[in-house]
Structures are given as C-alpha cells and as structure tokens.
Amino acid sequence: MSQNSSTFLDELVNAARGCFALLTGNRQAPTNFDFSQRGLIGSFIAFVVASALGAYGPQLFGVASAPGAATQAVILGGMLFVIQLAVSYLVLRQMGRLDGFVPFLVADNWATFFTSILSLGLLLLGLPADVVIIAIGIVVIIVEINIARLIVTLPPLQIAMFIVAQLVGSGIGLLLLGGMVAMPGV
C-alpha cells in the first residue's frame, strides 16, 4: 500500500499526486503516500512548514496582520492539531482500526501542507478571505472524507462518525483554546 520515496522531494511530489487523487476520489490515492516511519516524519515536516506558511506566509508577501497574530496562529494551530490527533486516535481505537492511524496522519499532514499553499495562493490572488475560507473548507471536507474512505478504508457509517468526531473535537478545542489564547486586536 505504501511507497517509499528516495528523497524528500520525491515524497513531496508523490504526496501532491496523492492529495490530488484524494480530492478527485481516485482509489489509487494510497499508493502515492509513504506510510513508513520515514514517511510519517516527512509528513510531520510538511505539517510544520504548512503551519509556518499559514501563519507567517501572508506577512512575507506584505499582507498586514495584527501584531502577534502569526505566533498565536501557530500556537492555536498546534494545540488544535494535538486535539485532532487525540480525537482521531480515540475514535479509531474505539472502532478497532488503529492500523489506520499512521496512514491517516501521513495523508492528513500532507493535505494540510497543500491546502495551506492553496489558501495562501488564493489570498495572494486578491480573493476575499471569506471566499478563500469557503473554498478551502469545501476542499478540506472532500479530502477528509476521502482520507477516511480511501486511506483508512472505513465503511460509510464509520466515515461519518470519524468526521463528526473530528469536527466536534476541533469545535470544542476552539471554544476552550479561544478563551485561553488572547486574540490580537481584541
């Protein structure tokens, strides 16, 4: 199922193919990801780059933001990531499908990387933030469903439970963390 890449660049190119395959619902998507320990580490590197790009990328291209907003975005994003991992792990354990946790994590990390690039690109094109959020939201929902369906190979009811659990966990996390992390300009 997994494919070992010889370099990080090869892994990135294969992951790009895999993420596009996830977006289009192509059943061959899993063959593009490296689910080994090396692939997991590569996907974590991609996630860290995506977090930095999402937080600091707009500033690099001259988009103004409130002082401290980027740092707070990184902290909040990291905390939400940990919550998502915990919820995903618990739900997969409850379903007896912990074998899908690492493949989920690898594909999700790479999807985060590419959606961060897409989001930044759309913002730099001058699209309103609301339009970008809606477009990225639709892409994320499609990709997350297909990760659960094609990578973790869950049946339809378990896909729904897995996605809803992640949404609820992230929502609760946002509510709790939003109160703890002061928002810039507020």
C-alpha atoms as a PDB file:
ATOM      1  CA  MET A   1       0.000   0.000   0.000  1.00  0.00           C
ATOM      2  CA  SER A   2       2.731   2.492   0.876  1.00  0.00           C
ATOM      3  CA  GLN A   3       5.553   3.505  -1.356  1.00  0.00           C
ATOM      4  CA  ASN A   4       8.981   4.516  -0.036  1.00  0.00           C
ATOM      5  CA  SER A   5      10.405   7.640  -1.653  1.00  0.00           C
ATOM      6  CA  SER A   6      14.124   8.089  -2.128  1.00  0.00           C
ATOM      7  CA  THR A   7      14.222  11.816  -1.247  1.00  0.00           C
ATOM      8  CA  PHE A   8      12.017  14.324   0.496  1.00  0.00           C
ATOM      9  CA  LEU A   9      11.381  15.976  -2.884  1.00  0.00           C
ATOM     10  CA  ASP A  10      10.185  12.619  -4.295  1.00  0.00           C
ATOM     11  CA  GLU A  11       7.950  12.211  -1.257  1.00  0.00           C
ATOM     12  CA  LEU A  12       6.561  15.728  -1.751  1.00  0.00           C
ATOM     13  CA  VAL A  13       5.797  15.095  -5.438  1.00  0.00           C
ATOM     14  CA  ASN A  14       4.160  11.745  -4.662  1.00  0.00           C
ATOM     15  CA  ALA A  15       2.156  13.316  -1.824  1.00  0.00           C
ATOM     16  CA  ALA A  16       0.968  16.047  -4.203  1.00  0.00           C
ATOM     17  CA  ARG A  17      -0.291  13.324  -6.547  1.00  0.00           C
ATOM     18  CA  GLY A  18      -1.886  11.561  -3.596  1.00  0.00           C
ATOM     19  CA  CYS A  19      -3.643  14.701  -2.371  1.00  0.00           C
ATOM     20  CA  PHE A  20      -4.959  15.414  -5.866  1.00  0.00           C
ATOM     21  CA  ALA A  21      -6.145  11.813  -6.040  1.00  0.00           C
ATOM     22  CA  LEU A  22      -7.898  12.300  -2.682  1.00  0.00           C
ATOM     23  CA  LEU A  23      -9.564  15.461  -3.945  1.00  0.00           C
ATOM     24  CA  THR A  24     -10.834  13.651  -7.037  1.00  0.00           C
ATOM     25  CA  GLY A  25     -11.753  10.438  -5.196  1.00  0.00           C
ATOM     26  CA  ASN A  26      -9.231   8.297  -7.094  1.00  0.00           C
ATOM     27  CA  ARG A  27      -8.920   4.870  -5.449  1.00  0.00           C
ATOM     28  CA  GLN A  28      -5.178   4.804  -6.236  1.00  0.00           C
ATOM     29  CA  ALA A  29      -4.528   7.666  -3.759  1.00  0.00           C
ATOM     30  CA  PRO A  30      -2.922   5.433  -1.091  1.00  0.00           C
ATOM     31  CA  THR A  31      -0.168   4.314  -3.473  1.00  0.00           C
ATOM     32  CA  ASN A  32       1.222   7.866  -3.509  1.00  0.00           C
ATOM     33  CA  PHE A  33       1.903   8.135   0.222  1.00  0.00           C
ATOM     34  CA  ASP A  34       4.762   6.676   2.232  1.00  0.00           C
ATOM     35  CA  PHE A  35       3.245   5.160   5.393  1.00  0.00           C
ATOM     36  CA  SER A  36       6.594   4.056   6.821  1.00  0.00           C
ATOM     37  CA  GLN A  37       8.222   5.750   9.809  1.00  0.00           C
ATOM     38  CA  ARG A  38      10.296   7.803   7.363  1.00  0.00           C
ATOM     39  CA  GLY A  39       7.124   8.879   5.567  1.00  0.00           C
ATOM     40  CA  LEU A  40       5.499   9.805   8.872  1.00  0.00           C
ATOM     41  CA  ILE A  41       8.459  12.034   9.757  1.00  0.00           C
ATOM     42  CA  GLY A  42       8.366  13.602   6.287  1.00  0.00           C
ATOM     43  CA  SER A  43       4.677  14.352   6.707  1.00  0.00           C
ATOM     44  CA  PHE A  44       5.345  15.988  10.098  1.00  0.00           C
ATOM     45  CA  ILE A  45       7.971  18.190   8.436  1.00  0.00           C
ATOM     46  CA  ALA A  46       5.361  19.147   5.832  1.00  0.00           C
ATOM     47  CA  PHE A  47       2.867  19.909   8.613  1.00  0.00           C
ATOM     48  CA  VAL A  48       5.346  22.196  10.416  1.00  0.00           C
ATOM     49  CA  VAL A  49       6.125  24.003   7.151  1.00  0.00           C
ATOM     50  CA  ALA A  50       2.382  24.338   6.482  1.00  0.00           C
ATOM     51  CA  SER A  51       1.823  25.806   9.948  1.00  0.00           C
ATOM     52  CA  ALA A  52       4.602  28.342   9.464  1.00  0.00           C
ATOM     53  CA  LEU A  53       3.421  29.139   5.942  1.00  0.00           C
ATOM     54  CA  GLY A  54      -0.159  29.623   7.072  1.00  0.00           C
ATOM     55  CA  ALA A  55       0.855  31.864   9.957  1.00  0.00           C
ATOM     56  CA  TYR A  56       3.760  33.847   8.524  1.00  0.00           C
ATOM     57  CA  GLY A  57       3.228  33.499   4.741  1.00  0.00           C
ATOM     58  CA  PRO A  58       0.837  36.422   4.368  1.00  0.00           C
ATOM     59  CA  GLN A  59       3.295  38.720   6.176  1.00  0.00           C
ATOM     60  CA  LEU A  60       6.103  37.618   3.850  1.00  0.00           C
ATOM     61  CA  PHE A  61       4.011  38.827   0.921  1.00  0.00           C
ATOM     62  CA  GLY A  62       3.061  42.133   2.531  1.00  0.00           C
ATOM     63  CA  VAL A  63      -0.398  41.265   3.824  1.00  0.00           C
ATOM     64  CA  ALA A  64      -0.892  43.236   7.039  1.00  0.00           C
ATOM     65  CA  SER A  65      -1.913  41.480  10.229  1.00  0.00           C
ATOM     66  CA  ALA A  66      -2.211  42.418  13.881  1.00  0.00           C
ATOM     67  CA  PRO A  67       0.967  42.217  15.975  1.00  0.00           C
ATOM     68  CA  GLY A  68       1.408  38.734  17.401  1.00  0.00           C
ATOM     69  CA  ALA A  69      -1.295  37.198  15.203  1.00  0.00           C
ATOM     70  CA  ALA A  70       1.093  34.836  13.434  1.00  0.00           C
ATOM     71  CA  THR A  71       2.602  33.492  16.645  1.00  0.00           C
ATOM     72  CA  GLN A  72      -0.834  32.989  18.151  1.00  0.00           C
ATOM     73  CA  ALA A  73      -1.962  31.226  14.967  1.00  0.00           C
ATOM     74  CA  VAL A  74       0.967  28.797  15.280  1.00  0.00           C
ATOM     75  CA  ILE A  75       0.226  28.119  18.965  1.00  0.00           C
ATOM     76  CA  LEU A  76      -3.517  27.695  18.401  1.00  0.00           C
ATOM     77  CA  GLY A  77      -2.908  25.538  15.309  1.00  0.00           C
ATOM     78  CA  GLY A  78      -0.501  23.312  17.238  1.00  0.00           C
ATOM     79  CA  MET A  79      -2.954  22.867  20.096  1.00  0.00           C
ATOM     80  CA  LEU A  80      -5.799  22.066  17.692  1.00  0.00           C
ATOM     81  CA  PHE A  81      -3.545  19.565  15.912  1.00  0.00           C
ATOM     82  CA  VAL A  82      -2.912  17.745  19.194  1.00  0.00           C
ATOM     83  CA  ILE A  83      -6.661  17.706  19.909  1.00  0.00           C
ATOM     84  CA  GLN A  84      -7.365  16.347  16.413  1.00  0.00           C
ATOM     85  CA  LEU A  85      -4.736  13.631  16.908  1.00  0.00           C
ATOM     86  CA  ALA A  86      -6.203  12.631  20.262  1.00  0.00           C
ATOM     87  CA  VAL A  87      -9.780  12.512  18.949  1.00  0.00           C
ATOM     88  CA  SER A  88      -8.752  10.606  15.816  1.00  0.00           C
ATOM     89  CA  TYR A  89      -6.765   8.107  17.869  1.00  0.00           C
ATOM     90  CA  LEU A  90      -9.629   7.548  20.317  1.00  0.00           C
ATOM     91  CA  VAL A  91     -12.231   7.121  17.581  1.00  0.00           C
ATOM     92  CA  LEU A  92     -10.065   4.732  15.570  1.00  0.00           C
ATOM     93  CA  ARG A  93      -9.276   2.763  18.728  1.00  0.00           C
ATOM     94  CA  GLN A  94     -12.986   2.543  19.542  1.00  0.00           C
ATOM     95  CA  MET A  95     -13.628   1.252  16.003  1.00  0.00           C
ATOM     96  CA  GLY A  96     -10.800  -1.279  16.320  1.00  0.00           C
ATOM     97  CA  ARG A  97      -8.964   0.404  13.450  1.00  0.00           C
ATOM     98  CA  LEU A  98      -5.745   1.716  14.987  1.00  0.00           C
ATOM     99  CA  ASP A  99      -3.980   0.234  11.945  1.00  0.00           C
ATOM    100  CA  GLY A 100      -5.323   3.260  10.053  1.00  0.00           C
ATOM    101  CA  PHE A 101      -3.935   5.884  12.427  1.00  0.00           C
ATOM    102  CA  VAL A 102      -0.480   6.342  10.852  1.00  0.00           C
ATOM    103  CA  PRO A 103      -1.826   6.301   7.268  1.00  0.00           C
ATOM    104  CA  PHE A 104      -4.478   8.849   8.329  1.00  0.00           C
ATOM    105  CA  LEU A 105      -1.825  11.021   9.935  1.00  0.00           C
ATOM    106  CA  VAL A 106       0.512  10.904   6.931  1.00  0.00           C
ATOM    107  CA  ALA A 107      -2.221  11.758   4.423  1.00  0.00           C
ATOM    108  CA  ASP A 108      -3.753  14.422   6.687  1.00  0.00           C
ATOM    109  CA  ASN A 109      -0.395  16.129   7.287  1.00  0.00           C
ATOM    110  CA  TRP A 110       0.320  16.286   3.564  1.00  0.00           C
ATOM    111  CA  ALA A 111      -3.216  17.507   2.849  1.00  0.00           C
ATOM    112  CA  THR A 112      -2.670  20.282   5.400  1.00  0.00           C
ATOM    113  CA  PHE A 113       0.550  21.244   3.633  1.00  0.00           C
ATOM    114  CA  PHE A 114      -1.082  21.529   0.224  1.00  0.00           C
ATOM    115  CA  THR A 115      -4.234  23.270   1.465  1.00  0.00           C
ATOM    116  CA  SER A 116      -2.012  25.851   3.198  1.00  0.00           C
ATOM    117  CA  ILE A 117      -0.263  26.536  -0.100  1.00  0.00           C
ATOM    118  CA  LEU A 118      -3.606  26.723  -1.906  1.00  0.00           C
ATOM    119  CA  SER A 119      -5.042  29.037   0.741  1.00  0.00           C
ATOM    120  CA  LEU A 120      -2.062  31.391   0.598  1.00  0.00           C
ATOM    121  CA  GLY A 121      -2.175  31.381  -3.202  1.00  0.00           C
ATOM    122  CA  LEU A 122      -5.868  32.290  -3.245  1.00  0.00           C
ATOM    123  CA  LEU A 123      -5.306  35.099  -0.748  1.00  0.00           C
ATOM    124  CA  LEU A 124      -2.389  36.440  -2.797  1.00  0.00           C
ATOM    125  CA  LEU A 125      -4.612  36.458  -5.879  1.00  0.00           C
ATOM    126  CA  GLY A 126      -6.697  39.005  -4.022  1.00  0.00           C
ATOM    127  CA  LEU A 127      -9.735  36.871  -3.324  1.00  0.00           C
ATOM    128  CA  PRO A 128     -11.719  37.950  -0.263  1.00  0.00           C
ATOM    129  CA  ALA A 129     -10.885  35.980   2.880  1.00  0.00           C
ATOM    130  CA  ASP A 130     -14.500  34.749   3.153  1.00  0.00           C
ATOM    131  CA  VAL A 131     -14.351  33.223  -0.321  1.00  0.00           C
ATOM    132  CA  VAL A 132     -10.984  31.601   0.442  1.00  0.00           C
ATOM    133  CA  ILE A 133     -12.315  30.128   3.711  1.00  0.00           C
ATOM    134  CA  ILE A 134     -15.376  28.664   1.985  1.00  0.00           C
ATOM    135  CA  ALA A 135     -13.323  27.246  -0.919  1.00  0.00           C
ATOM    136  CA  ILE A 136     -10.701  25.728   1.379  1.00  0.00           C
ATOM    137  CA  GLY A 137     -13.445  24.400   3.673  1.00  0.00           C
ATOM    138  CA  ILE A 138     -15.054  22.527   0.782  1.00  0.00           C
ATOM    139  CA  VAL A 139     -11.676  21.112  -0.306  1.00  0.00           C
ATOM    140  CA  VAL A 140     -10.873  20.024   3.261  1.00  0.00           C
ATOM    141  CA  ILE A 141     -14.215  18.261   3.704  1.00  0.00           C
ATOM    142  CA  ILE A 142     -13.802  16.355   0.428  1.00  0.00           C
ATOM    143  CA  VAL A 143     -10.218  15.381   1.247  1.00  0.00           C
ATOM    144  CA  GLU A 144     -11.015  14.347   4.847  1.00  0.00           C
ATOM    145  CA  ILE A 145     -13.891  12.143   3.706  1.00  0.00           C
ATOM    146  CA  ASN A 146     -11.655  10.538   1.088  1.00  0.00           C
ATOM    147  CA  ILE A 147      -8.838  10.025   3.604  1.00  0.00           C
ATOM    148  CA  ALA A 148     -11.287   8.136   5.809  1.00  0.00           C
ATOM    149  CA  ARG A 149     -12.692   6.259   2.802  1.00  0.00           C
ATOM    150  CA  LEU A 150      -9.593   5.509   0.712  1.00  0.00           C
ATOM    151  CA  ILE A 151      -6.666   5.665   3.141  1.00  0.00           C
ATOM    152  CA  VAL A 152      -8.155   4.353   6.388  1.00  0.00           C
ATOM    153  CA  THR A 153     -10.736   2.276   4.435  1.00  0.00           C
ATOM    154  CA  LEU A 154     -13.628   2.898   6.787  1.00  0.00           C
ATOM    155  CA  PRO A 155     -17.194   1.948   5.798  1.00  0.00           C
ATOM    156  CA  PRO A 156     -19.701   4.816   5.286  1.00  0.00           C
ATOM    157  CA  LEU A 157     -21.151   4.914   8.830  1.00  0.00           C
ATOM    158  CA  GLN A 158     -17.683   4.893  10.390  1.00  0.00           C
ATOM    159  CA  ILE A 159     -16.561   7.635   7.966  1.00  0.00           C
ATOM    160  CA  ALA A 160     -19.414   9.808   9.201  1.00  0.00           C
ATOM    161  CA  MET A 161     -18.581   9.053  12.847  1.00  0.00           C
ATOM    162  CA  PHE A 162     -14.884   9.755  12.263  1.00  0.00           C
ATOM    163  CA  ILE A 163     -15.507  13.101  10.511  1.00  0.00           C
ATOM    164  CA  VAL A 164     -18.143  14.241  13.016  1.00  0.00           C
ATOM    165  CA  ALA A 165     -15.889  13.320  15.948  1.00  0.00           C
ATOM    166  CA  GLN A 166     -13.052  15.376  14.452  1.00  0.00           C
ATOM    167  CA  LEU A 167     -15.364  18.349  13.841  1.00  0.00           C
ATOM    168  CA  VAL A 168     -16.826  18.200  17.337  1.00  0.00           C
ATOM    169  CA  GLY A 169     -13.386  17.768  18.909  1.00  0.00           C
ATOM    170  CA  SER A 170     -11.981  20.694  16.925  1.00  0.00           C
ATOM    171  CA  GLY A 171     -15.015  22.840  17.751  1.00  0.00           C
ATOM    172  CA  ILE A 172     -14.716  22.152  21.462  1.00  0.00           C
ATOM    173  CA  GLY A 173     -10.967  22.747  21.213  1.00  0.00           C
ATOM    174  CA  LEU A 174     -11.544  26.101  19.516  1.00  0.00           C
ATOM    175  CA  LEU A 175     -14.006  27.146  22.194  1.00  0.00           C
ATOM    176  CA  LEU A 176     -11.689  26.138  25.027  1.00  0.00           C
ATOM    177  CA  LEU A 177      -8.474  27.403  23.465  1.00  0.00           C
ATOM    178  CA  GLY A 178     -10.070  30.570  22.115  1.00  0.00           C
ATOM    179  CA  GLY A 179     -10.797  31.633  25.670  1.00  0.00           C
ATOM    180  CA  MET A 180      -7.261  30.828  26.788  1.00  0.00           C
ATOM    181  CA  VAL A 181      -5.389  32.481  23.898  1.00  0.00           C
ATOM    182  CA  ALA A 182      -5.990  36.224  23.685  1.00  0.00           C
ATOM    183  CA  MET A 183      -6.859  37.240  20.162  1.00  0.00           C
ATOM    184  CA  PRO A 184      -4.867  40.135  18.677  1.00  0.00           C
ATOM    185  CA  GLY A 185      -6.696  43.421  18.428  1.00  0.00           C
ATOM    186  CA  VAL A 186      -9.361  42.381  20.928  1.00  0.00           C
END
